[in-house]
Amino acid sequence: MSQESNDLGVATVVLERLEKERLPRALDLKAKVDAGETLDEIDIAFLERVFADNEDAKPFLDRHPEYQELAARMARLFEEITAKALENEKAQPQG
């Protein structure tokens, strides 16, 4: 299989996962932290998977700059989530 057809398959899977799983979950997490809540272990595990996948996607994004803006926007969303979650964590009473 050529790199081009492999990349097309990867793009299809990644975009479908983004639409059906990652973006809805990210928006739920954003709403959660915007409401002042903290992230639980499942939320953190999800974010860790996303960050690992983003690292793995770098060679693909280098070959396909047309997806770089979308990837950057998603990265900003996840950065906002983690920053707000950290802020919420620090605001929690220490017990």
N, C-alpha and C. Protein backbone atom coordinates (compact mmCIF):
# COMPACT_ATOMS: atom_id res chain seq x y z
N MET A 1 0.85 -1.18 0.00
CA MET A 1 0.00 0.00 0.00
C MET A 1 0.89 1.23 0.00
N SER A 2 0.53 2.20 -0.82
CA SER A 2 1.33 3.42 -0.90
C SER A 2 1.11 4.29 0.34
N GLN A 3 2.07 5.18 0.58
CA GLN A 3 1.96 6.11 1.71
C GLN A 3 0.71 6.97 1.56
N GLU A 4 0.41 7.36 0.31
CA GLU A 4 -0.76 8.21 0.07
C GLU A 4 -2.06 7.50 0.42
N SER A 5 -2.22 6.27 0.01
CA SER A 5 -3.46 5.55 0.33
C SER A 5 -3.52 5.20 1.81
N ASN A 6 -2.36 4.93 2.41
CA ASN A 6 -2.31 4.69 3.85
C ASN A 6 -2.73 5.95 4.60
N ASP A 7 -2.20 7.10 4.17
CA ASP A 7 -2.56 8.37 4.81
C ASP A 7 -4.04 8.68 4.66
N LEU A 8 -4.62 8.34 3.52
CA LEU A 8 -6.04 8.56 3.33
C LEU A 8 -6.84 7.74 4.33
N GLY A 9 -6.45 6.50 4.54
CA GLY A 9 -7.12 5.65 5.52
C GLY A 9 -6.97 6.20 6.92
N VAL A 10 -5.77 6.65 7.26
CA VAL A 10 -5.52 7.22 8.58
C VAL A 10 -6.37 8.47 8.78
N ALA A 11 -6.39 9.34 7.79
CA ALA A 11 -7.17 10.57 7.89
C ALA A 11 -8.65 10.27 8.09
N THR A 12 -9.15 9.29 7.37
CA THR A 12 -10.56 8.92 7.49
C THR A 12 -10.89 8.45 8.90
N VAL A 13 -10.06 7.58 9.43
CA VAL A 13 -10.29 7.05 10.78
C VAL A 13 -10.16 8.14 11.83
N VAL A 14 -9.13 8.96 11.71
CA VAL A 14 -8.88 10.02 12.70
C VAL A 14 -10.02 11.05 12.69
N LEU A 15 -10.46 11.44 11.51
CA LEU A 15 -11.54 12.42 11.43
C LEU A 15 -12.85 11.85 11.95
N GLU A 16 -13.11 10.59 11.68
CA GLU A 16 -14.32 9.97 12.21
C GLU A 16 -14.25 9.88 13.74
N ARG A 17 -13.10 9.49 14.27
CA ARG A 17 -12.92 9.43 15.73
C ARG A 17 -13.07 10.81 16.35
N LEU A 18 -12.52 11.81 15.67
CA LEU A 18 -12.64 13.18 16.17
C LEU A 18 -14.10 13.62 16.24
N GLU A 19 -14.84 13.35 15.18
CA GLU A 19 -16.23 13.78 15.12
C GLU A 19 -17.12 13.04 16.12
N LYS A 20 -16.91 11.73 16.25
CA LYS A 20 -17.84 10.92 17.04
C LYS A 20 -17.41 10.71 18.48
N GLU A 21 -16.13 10.84 18.76
CA GLU A 21 -15.64 10.55 20.11
C GLU A 21 -14.90 11.72 20.74
N ARG A 22 -13.83 12.13 20.11
CA ARG A 22 -12.92 13.08 20.75
C ARG A 22 -13.56 14.45 20.97
N LEU A 23 -14.15 15.03 19.94
CA LEU A 23 -14.71 16.37 20.09
C LEU A 23 -15.88 16.37 21.08
N PRO A 24 -16.84 15.44 20.98
CA PRO A 24 -17.91 15.46 21.99
C PRO A 24 -17.38 15.30 23.41
N ARG A 25 -16.42 14.41 23.60
CA ARG A 25 -15.86 14.21 24.94
C ARG A 25 -15.11 15.45 25.40
N ALA A 26 -14.36 16.08 24.49
CA ALA A 26 -13.63 17.30 24.84
C ALA A 26 -14.59 18.40 25.23
N LEU A 27 -15.69 18.54 24.51
CA LEU A 27 -16.66 19.58 24.85
C LEU A 27 -17.32 19.30 26.19
N ASP A 28 -17.56 18.03 26.49
CA ASP A 28 -18.09 17.67 27.81
C ASP A 28 -17.10 18.03 28.92
N LEU A 29 -15.82 17.73 28.68
CA LEU A 29 -14.80 18.07 29.68
C LEU A 29 -14.67 19.58 29.84
N LYS A 30 -14.77 20.31 28.74
CA LYS A 30 -14.69 21.77 28.80
C LYS A 30 -15.83 22.31 29.64
N ALA A 31 -17.03 21.80 29.42
CA ALA A 31 -18.19 22.23 30.21
C ALA A 31 -17.99 21.88 31.69
N LYS A 32 -17.41 20.73 31.93
CA LYS A 32 -17.18 20.27 33.31
C LYS A 32 -16.23 21.22 34.04
N VAL A 33 -15.09 21.52 33.41
CA VAL A 33 -14.12 22.38 34.09
C VAL A 33 -14.60 23.83 34.13
N ASP A 34 -15.34 24.25 33.11
CA ASP A 34 -15.89 25.61 33.13
C ASP A 34 -16.91 25.77 34.26
N ALA A 35 -17.51 24.67 34.69
CA ALA A 35 -18.46 24.69 35.81
C ALA A 35 -17.75 24.60 37.15
N GLY A 36 -16.41 24.60 37.13
CA GLY A 36 -15.64 24.58 38.36
C GLY A 36 -15.27 23.20 38.87
N GLU A 37 -15.61 22.18 38.12
CA GLU A 37 -15.30 20.82 38.55
C GLU A 37 -13.85 20.46 38.22
N THR A 38 -13.40 19.39 38.85
CA THR A 38 -12.07 18.87 38.56
C THR A 38 -12.21 17.61 37.71
N LEU A 39 -11.11 17.19 37.14
CA LEU A 39 -11.10 15.99 36.31
C LEU A 39 -10.88 14.76 37.19
N ASP A 40 -11.55 13.68 36.83
CA ASP A 40 -11.33 12.43 37.55
C ASP A 40 -10.31 11.58 36.79
N GLU A 41 -10.02 10.41 37.30
CA GLU A 41 -8.99 9.55 36.70
C GLU A 41 -9.33 9.15 35.27
N ILE A 42 -10.61 8.92 34.99
CA ILE A 42 -11.03 8.54 33.64
C ILE A 42 -10.81 9.70 32.67
N ASP A 43 -11.13 10.91 33.11
CA ASP A 43 -10.91 12.11 32.29
C ASP A 43 -9.43 12.28 31.99
N ILE A 44 -8.61 12.11 33.01
CA ILE A 44 -7.16 12.28 32.84
C ILE A 44 -6.60 11.21 31.91
N ALA A 45 -7.07 9.99 32.03
CA ALA A 45 -6.62 8.91 31.14
C ALA A 45 -6.99 9.23 29.69
N PHE A 46 -8.18 9.77 29.50
CA PHE A 46 -8.60 10.17 28.15
C PHE A 46 -7.65 11.23 27.59
N LEU A 47 -7.35 12.24 28.39
CA LEU A 47 -6.45 13.31 27.93
C LEU A 47 -5.05 12.76 27.65
N GLU A 48 -4.58 11.85 28.47
CA GLU A 48 -3.27 11.25 28.22
C GLU A 48 -3.24 10.51 26.89
N ARG A 49 -4.33 9.78 26.57
CA ARG A 49 -4.41 9.08 25.28
C ARG A 49 -4.40 10.08 24.13
N VAL A 50 -5.16 11.17 24.30
CA VAL A 50 -5.22 12.19 23.26
C VAL A 50 -3.84 12.80 23.02
N PHE A 51 -3.13 13.14 24.10
CA PHE A 51 -1.80 13.74 23.95
C PHE A 51 -0.82 12.76 23.31
N ALA A 52 -0.90 11.49 23.66
CA ALA A 52 -0.03 10.48 23.05
C ALA A 52 -0.35 10.33 21.56
N ASP A 53 -1.63 10.30 21.24
CA ASP A 53 -2.03 10.21 19.83
C ASP A 53 -1.57 11.43 19.04
N ASN A 54 -1.62 12.59 19.66
CA ASN A 54 -1.16 13.80 18.98
C ASN A 54 0.33 13.73 18.66
N GLU A 55 1.10 13.17 19.56
CA GLU A 55 2.53 12.98 19.29
C GLU A 55 2.73 12.04 18.11
N ASP A 56 1.96 10.96 18.10
CA ASP A 56 2.06 9.98 17.01
C ASP A 56 1.63 10.57 15.68
N ALA A 57 0.77 11.58 15.70
CA ALA A 57 0.24 12.18 14.47
C ALA A 57 1.18 13.19 13.84
N LYS A 58 2.23 13.58 14.52
CA LYS A 58 3.10 14.64 13.99
C LYS A 58 3.68 14.33 12.60
N PRO A 59 4.17 13.11 12.34
CA PRO A 59 4.67 12.84 10.98
C PRO A 59 3.56 12.96 9.92
N PHE A 60 2.36 12.52 10.25
CA PHE A 60 1.23 12.64 9.33
C PHE A 60 0.94 14.11 9.06
N LEU A 61 0.92 14.92 10.10
CA LEU A 61 0.63 16.35 9.94
C LEU A 61 1.72 17.05 9.15
N ASP A 62 2.95 16.59 9.28
CA ASP A 62 4.04 17.16 8.48
C ASP A 62 3.81 16.89 6.99
N ARG A 63 3.25 15.71 6.68
CA ARG A 63 2.99 15.36 5.29
C ARG A 63 1.71 16.01 4.76
N HIS A 64 0.80 16.40 5.68
CA HIS A 64 -0.50 16.92 5.28
C HIS A 64 -0.82 18.23 6.02
N PRO A 65 -0.23 19.32 5.56
CA PRO A 65 -0.45 20.60 6.23
C PRO A 65 -1.91 21.05 6.21
N GLU A 66 -2.73 20.49 5.34
CA GLU A 66 -4.13 20.88 5.30
C GLU A 66 -4.88 20.52 6.58
N TYR A 67 -4.31 19.61 7.38
CA TYR A 67 -4.93 19.23 8.65
C TYR A 67 -4.32 19.94 9.86
N GLN A 68 -3.29 20.75 9.64
CA GLN A 68 -2.58 21.37 10.75
C GLN A 68 -3.43 22.37 11.52
N GLU A 69 -4.26 23.14 10.83
CA GLU A 69 -5.10 24.11 11.54
C GLU A 69 -6.11 23.39 12.44
N LEU A 70 -6.72 22.33 11.95
CA LEU A 70 -7.66 21.56 12.76
C LEU A 70 -6.94 20.98 13.98
N ALA A 71 -5.77 20.42 13.76
CA ALA A 71 -5.00 19.85 14.87
C ALA A 71 -4.63 20.92 15.89
N ALA A 72 -4.27 22.10 15.41
CA ALA A 72 -3.91 23.20 16.32
C ALA A 72 -5.12 23.65 17.12
N ARG A 73 -6.27 23.72 16.49
CA ARG A 73 -7.49 24.13 17.21
C ARG A 73 -7.86 23.11 18.27
N MET A 74 -7.72 21.84 17.96
CA MET A 74 -8.01 20.80 18.95
C MET A 74 -6.99 20.87 20.09
N ALA A 75 -5.74 21.10 19.75
CA ALA A 75 -4.71 21.22 20.79
C ALA A 75 -5.02 22.39 21.72
N ARG A 76 -5.47 23.51 21.17
CA ARG A 76 -5.83 24.66 22.00
C ARG A 76 -7.00 24.32 22.92
N LEU A 77 -7.98 23.58 22.40
CA LEU A 77 -9.12 23.19 23.22
C LEU A 77 -8.65 22.33 24.38
N PHE A 78 -7.79 21.35 24.11
CA PHE A 78 -7.30 20.49 25.18
C PHE A 78 -6.41 21.27 26.15
N GLU A 79 -5.68 22.26 25.65
CA GLU A 79 -4.88 23.10 26.52
C GLU A 79 -5.78 23.92 27.45
N GLU A 80 -6.87 24.46 26.91
CA GLU A 80 -7.82 25.21 27.74
C GLU A 80 -8.42 24.31 28.82
N ILE A 81 -8.75 23.09 28.45
CA ILE A 81 -9.34 22.15 29.41
C ILE A 81 -8.36 21.86 30.54
N THR A 82 -7.12 21.56 30.18
CA THR A 82 -6.15 21.20 31.22
C THR A 82 -5.79 22.41 32.09
N ALA A 83 -5.70 23.59 31.49
CA ALA A 83 -5.38 24.78 32.27
C ALA A 83 -6.50 25.09 33.27
N LYS A 84 -7.74 25.00 32.81
CA LYS A 84 -8.87 25.28 33.69
C LYS A 84 -8.99 24.19 34.76
N ALA A 85 -8.74 22.95 34.39
CA ALA A 85 -8.79 21.86 35.36
C ALA A 85 -7.74 22.07 36.46
N LEU A 86 -6.55 22.51 36.09
CA LEU A 86 -5.50 22.78 37.06
C LEU A 86 -5.91 23.93 37.97
N GLU A 87 -6.48 24.96 37.38
CA GLU A 87 -6.96 26.10 38.17
C GLU A 87 -8.03 25.63 39.17
N ASN A 88 -8.95 24.79 38.72
CA ASN A 88 -9.99 24.27 39.61
C ASN A 88 -9.40 23.41 40.71
N GLU A 89 -8.41 22.61 40.37
CA GLU A 89 -7.76 21.75 41.35
C GLU A 89 -7.09 22.58 42.44
N LYS A 90 -6.42 23.64 42.04
CA LYS A 90 -5.74 24.52 42.99
C LYS A 90 -6.73 25.26 43.89
N ALA A 91 -7.95 25.50 43.37
CA ALA A 91 -8.96 26.22 44.13
C ALA A 91 -9.69 25.33 45.11
N GLN A 92 -9.51 24.01 45.02
CA GLN A 92 -10.17 23.09 45.93
C GLN A 92 -9.61 23.24 47.33
N PRO A 93 -10.47 23.16 48.34
CA PRO A 93 -9.96 23.21 49.71
C PRO A 93 -9.06 22.01 49.99
N GLN A 94 -7.96 22.27 50.64
CA GLN A 94 -7.02 21.20 50.98
C GLN A 94 -7.49 20.51 52.25
N GLY A 95 -7.54 19.17 52.18
CA GLY A 95 -8.07 18.47 53.36
C GLY A 95 -7.22 17.45 53.91
